[in-house]
Amino acid sequence: MILIGQYDSPFVRRVGIALSLYDIPFEHRPWSSFGNADELRVYNPLTRVPTLVLDDGTVLADSHIILDYLDSLVSDDRVLLPRTEPARHRALRVATLATGLGDKAVSLFYEKRLHGAVSALWVDRCRRQIEETLQVLETSRSEGTGAYWFGERIGHADIAVAAVLRFLKEVHPDLVAVARYPRLQAHADMLEALPVFQTISQPFIPPA
């Protein structure tokens, strides 16, 4: 398989971490959706990352879809998302909140980067959505009793939260006070210390 995208994207990073935890061999092409748009367009007309090229040439896009496919390749005792309810939808809820927060952080970055006149209304709206989502995640984490979000095994929810929190702090260091969410910060710190998180990692590089 070929994973396209830079690891400073939390969406690419969560896929790279899952591939590594699943011991699925892959080639990584750290292409930027801006700087390498022409190369990326050959595989994905949307020129978005992550893009995953399967062994048979099929191309998948969107981290949720990619991870759903990868989950189908492993056994129940290794899968990073529960297959049965209600555990499945609870984990999906946390992962979706985290990635939605990531989407807001990306949108806000482009608002500030690409527009000559930044909309204060849009910035305030994004900030509020990010802060309220962080609080929901903080409360959810406080309700857990295991080392990870839903027990003693790492899952997609854990990975998504940690990857997005790092992205948020690097891209918008002054947007929110992360110290207000100590359980999220402690959770992310624990994960970032894991070898796979240190290997599948890249400081944020603003698009040219």
Protein backbone atom coordinates (compact mmCIF):
# COMPACT_ATOMS: atom_id res chain seq x y z
CA MET A 1 0.00 0.00 0.00
CA ILE A 2 0.99 3.63 -0.46
CA LEU A 3 0.03 6.27 2.10
CA ILE A 4 0.15 9.77 0.66
CA GLY A 5 0.33 12.83 2.86
CA GLN A 6 2.52 14.48 5.45
CA TYR A 7 2.45 13.40 9.08
CA ASP A 8 1.85 16.96 10.29
CA SER A 9 -1.75 16.30 9.23
CA PRO A 10 -3.58 14.58 12.10
CA PHE A 11 -5.66 12.71 9.53
CA VAL A 12 -2.65 11.28 7.73
CA ARG A 13 -0.92 10.60 11.03
CA ARG A 14 -3.81 8.57 12.47
CA VAL A 15 -3.76 6.35 9.38
CA GLY A 16 0.01 5.91 9.54
CA ILE A 17 -0.18 4.97 13.21
CA ALA A 18 -2.96 2.45 12.56
CA LEU A 19 -1.04 0.87 9.67
CA SER A 20 1.99 0.53 11.95
CA LEU A 21 0.02 -0.91 14.86
CA TYR A 22 -1.57 -3.40 12.48
CA ASP A 23 1.86 -4.36 11.09
CA ILE A 24 0.62 -3.64 7.57
CA PRO A 25 3.56 -2.80 5.28
CA PHE A 26 3.20 0.48 3.41
CA GLU A 27 5.18 3.03 1.46
CA HIS A 28 4.90 6.59 2.72
CA ARG A 29 4.93 9.44 0.22
CA PRO A 30 5.02 12.70 2.22
CA TRP A 31 3.35 14.81 -0.42
CA SER A 32 1.70 18.12 0.29
CA SER A 33 -1.78 18.75 -1.08
CA PHE A 34 -0.46 22.14 -2.21
CA GLY A 35 3.16 21.60 -3.20
CA ASN A 36 2.56 18.18 -4.75
CA ALA A 37 -0.93 18.74 -6.11
CA ASP A 38 -0.05 17.56 -9.61
CA GLU A 39 1.41 14.27 -8.36
CA LEU A 40 -1.45 13.74 -5.94
CA ARG A 41 -4.10 14.46 -8.58
CA VAL A 42 -3.00 11.35 -10.48
CA TYR A 43 -4.39 9.28 -7.60
CA ASN A 44 -7.03 11.56 -6.11
CA PRO A 45 -8.79 14.28 -8.14
CA LEU A 46 -9.73 16.00 -4.89
CA THR A 47 -5.99 16.42 -4.12
CA ARG A 48 -6.71 15.71 -0.47
CA VAL A 49 -4.78 13.75 2.11
CA PRO A 50 -4.73 11.14 3.41
CA THR A 51 -4.92 9.15 0.21
CA LEU A 52 -4.30 5.41 0.43
CA VAL A 53 -3.44 3.41 -2.69
CA LEU A 54 -4.22 -0.28 -2.19
CA ASP A 55 -2.15 -3.11 -3.64
CA ASP A 56 -4.61 -3.56 -6.50
CA GLY A 57 -4.50 0.14 -7.38
CA THR A 58 -7.80 1.08 -5.74
CA VAL A 59 -7.60 4.51 -4.10
CA LEU A 60 -9.29 5.36 -0.81
CA ALA A 61 -9.63 8.84 0.66
CA ASP A 62 -10.87 10.24 4.00
CA SER A 63 -9.31 8.88 7.18
CA HIS A 64 -12.57 7.38 8.50
CA ILE A 65 -13.08 5.38 5.31
CA ILE A 66 -9.46 4.29 5.17
CA LEU A 67 -9.48 3.10 8.77
CA ASP A 68 -12.76 1.26 8.25
CA TYR A 69 -11.08 -0.66 5.44
CA LEU A 70 -7.94 -1.37 7.47
CA ASP A 71 -10.06 -2.62 10.37
CA SER A 72 -11.57 -5.21 8.04
CA LEU A 73 -8.13 -6.73 7.48
CA VAL A 74 -7.41 -7.66 11.10
CA SER A 75 -8.88 -10.02 13.66
CA ASP A 76 -11.26 -9.01 16.43
CA ASP A 77 -8.53 -9.22 19.06
CA ARG A 78 -6.38 -6.65 17.21
CA VAL A 79 -8.94 -4.24 15.79
CA LEU A 80 -8.66 -0.64 17.03
CA LEU A 81 -12.42 -0.07 16.97
CA PRO A 82 -14.98 -2.34 18.65
CA ARG A 83 -17.07 -4.30 16.20
CA THR A 84 -20.14 -4.58 18.45
CA GLU A 85 -22.51 -2.08 20.01
CA PRO A 86 -22.67 -0.04 22.17
CA ALA A 87 -18.88 0.07 22.39
CA ARG A 88 -18.59 0.77 18.66
CA HIS A 89 -20.69 3.92 18.51
CA ARG A 90 -19.16 5.25 21.73
CA ALA A 91 -15.67 5.01 20.27
CA LEU A 92 -16.86 6.45 16.95
CA ARG A 93 -18.37 9.41 18.79
CA VAL A 94 -15.06 10.34 20.41
CA ALA A 95 -13.08 9.84 17.21
CA THR A 96 -15.57 11.91 15.22
CA LEU A 97 -15.53 14.74 17.75
CA ALA A 98 -11.73 14.77 17.60
CA THR A 99 -11.52 14.77 13.81
CA GLY A 100 -14.28 17.36 13.59
CA LEU A 101 -12.19 19.53 15.88
CA GLY A 102 -9.27 18.94 13.54
CA ASP A 103 -11.38 20.06 10.58
CA LYS A 104 -12.19 23.30 12.41
CA ALA A 105 -8.52 23.89 13.15
CA VAL A 106 -7.65 23.38 9.47
CA SER A 107 -10.48 25.68 8.35
CA LEU A 108 -9.34 28.38 10.74
CA PHE A 109 -5.75 28.08 9.55
CA TYR A 110 -6.77 28.64 5.94
CA GLU A 111 -9.00 31.54 6.93
CA LYS A 112 -6.00 33.28 8.45
CA ARG A 113 -3.52 32.16 5.81
CA LEU A 114 -5.35 32.63 2.52
CA HIS A 115 -7.72 35.54 3.09
CA GLY A 116 -6.51 39.12 3.02
CA ALA A 117 -9.23 40.20 5.45
CA VAL A 118 -9.80 37.66 8.18
CA SER A 119 -13.39 37.32 9.37
CA ALA A 120 -13.51 37.94 13.12
CA LEU A 121 -16.95 36.31 13.17
CA TRP A 122 -15.57 33.12 11.61
CA VAL A 123 -12.57 33.06 13.93
CA ASP A 124 -14.79 33.45 16.99
CA ARG A 125 -17.16 30.77 15.72
CA CYS A 126 -14.33 28.30 15.17
CA ARG A 127 -12.78 29.09 18.54
CA ARG A 128 -16.05 28.46 20.33
CA GLN A 129 -16.64 25.19 18.47
CA ILE A 130 -13.11 24.04 19.30
CA GLU A 131 -13.36 25.01 22.98
CA GLU A 132 -16.74 23.37 23.45
CA THR A 133 -15.59 20.18 21.74
CA LEU A 134 -12.47 20.07 23.92
CA GLN A 135 -14.67 20.35 26.99
CA VAL A 136 -16.91 17.50 25.85
CA LEU A 137 -13.83 15.35 25.25
CA GLU A 138 -12.35 16.35 28.61
CA THR A 139 -15.55 15.27 30.35
CA SER A 140 -15.64 12.01 28.39
CA ARG A 141 -12.06 11.22 29.33
CA SER A 142 -12.79 11.87 33.00
CA GLU A 143 -15.49 9.20 32.90
CA GLY A 144 -13.06 6.50 31.80
CA THR A 145 -11.23 4.23 34.21
CA GLY A 146 -8.71 2.49 31.96
CA ALA A 147 -5.29 3.51 30.72
CA TYR A 148 -6.89 4.28 27.38
CA TRP A 149 -10.22 5.87 26.52
CA PHE A 150 -12.22 2.67 26.55
CA GLY A 151 -10.17 0.28 28.62
CA GLU A 152 -6.66 -1.12 28.55
CA ARG A 153 -6.12 -1.19 24.77
CA ILE A 154 -5.33 1.68 22.47
CA GLY A 155 -7.98 2.48 19.89
CA HIS A 156 -8.79 4.85 17.06
CA ALA A 157 -10.41 7.28 19.52
CA ASP A 158 -7.18 7.60 21.50
CA ILE A 159 -5.11 8.11 18.36
CA ALA A 160 -7.46 10.72 16.90
CA VAL A 161 -7.57 12.80 20.07
CA ALA A 162 -3.80 12.82 20.55
CA ALA A 163 -3.04 13.58 16.89
CA VAL A 164 -5.56 16.42 16.72
CA LEU A 165 -4.49 17.95 20.03
CA ARG A 166 -0.88 18.15 18.86
CA PHE A 167 -1.97 19.67 15.56
CA LEU A 168 -4.12 22.25 17.34
CA LYS A 169 -1.29 23.32 19.63
CA GLU A 170 1.21 23.61 16.78
CA VAL A 171 -1.03 25.42 14.32
CA HIS A 172 -2.91 27.65 16.78
CA PRO A 173 -0.67 27.94 19.86
CA ASP A 174 -2.52 30.99 21.18
CA LEU A 175 -6.09 30.02 20.28
CA VAL A 176 -7.10 28.06 23.38
CA ALA A 177 -5.57 27.37 26.78
CA VAL A 178 -4.93 23.63 26.58
CA ALA A 179 -4.07 23.65 30.30
CA ARG A 180 -7.81 23.96 30.89
CA TYR A 181 -8.16 20.37 29.71
CA PRO A 182 -5.68 18.48 31.90
CA ARG A 183 -7.06 15.00 31.26
CA LEU A 184 -6.81 15.44 27.51
CA GLN A 185 -3.29 16.80 27.83
CA ALA A 186 -2.19 13.93 30.06
CA HIS A 187 -3.76 11.42 27.70
CA ALA A 188 -2.02 12.95 24.68
CA ASP A 189 1.31 13.11 26.51
CA MET A 190 1.08 9.41 27.34
CA LEU A 191 0.42 8.52 23.71
CA GLU A 192 3.06 10.83 22.29
CA ALA A 193 5.64 8.97 24.40
CA LEU A 194 4.85 5.69 22.61
CA PRO A 195 7.41 4.61 19.99
CA VAL A 196 4.84 4.49 17.18
CA PHE A 197 3.78 8.08 17.86
CA GLN A 198 7.38 9.22 17.85
CA THR A 199 8.06 7.40 14.58
CA ILE A 200 4.89 8.53 12.80
CA SER A 201 5.49 12.18 13.51
CA GLN A 202 6.38 15.46 11.85
CA PRO A 203 6.41 19.08 13.04
CA PHE A 204 3.84 21.26 11.32
CA ILE A 205 5.02 22.71 8.00
CA PRO A 206 2.77 25.51 6.67
CA PRO A 207 1.86 24.98 3.00
CA ALA A 208 3.78 27.16 0.60
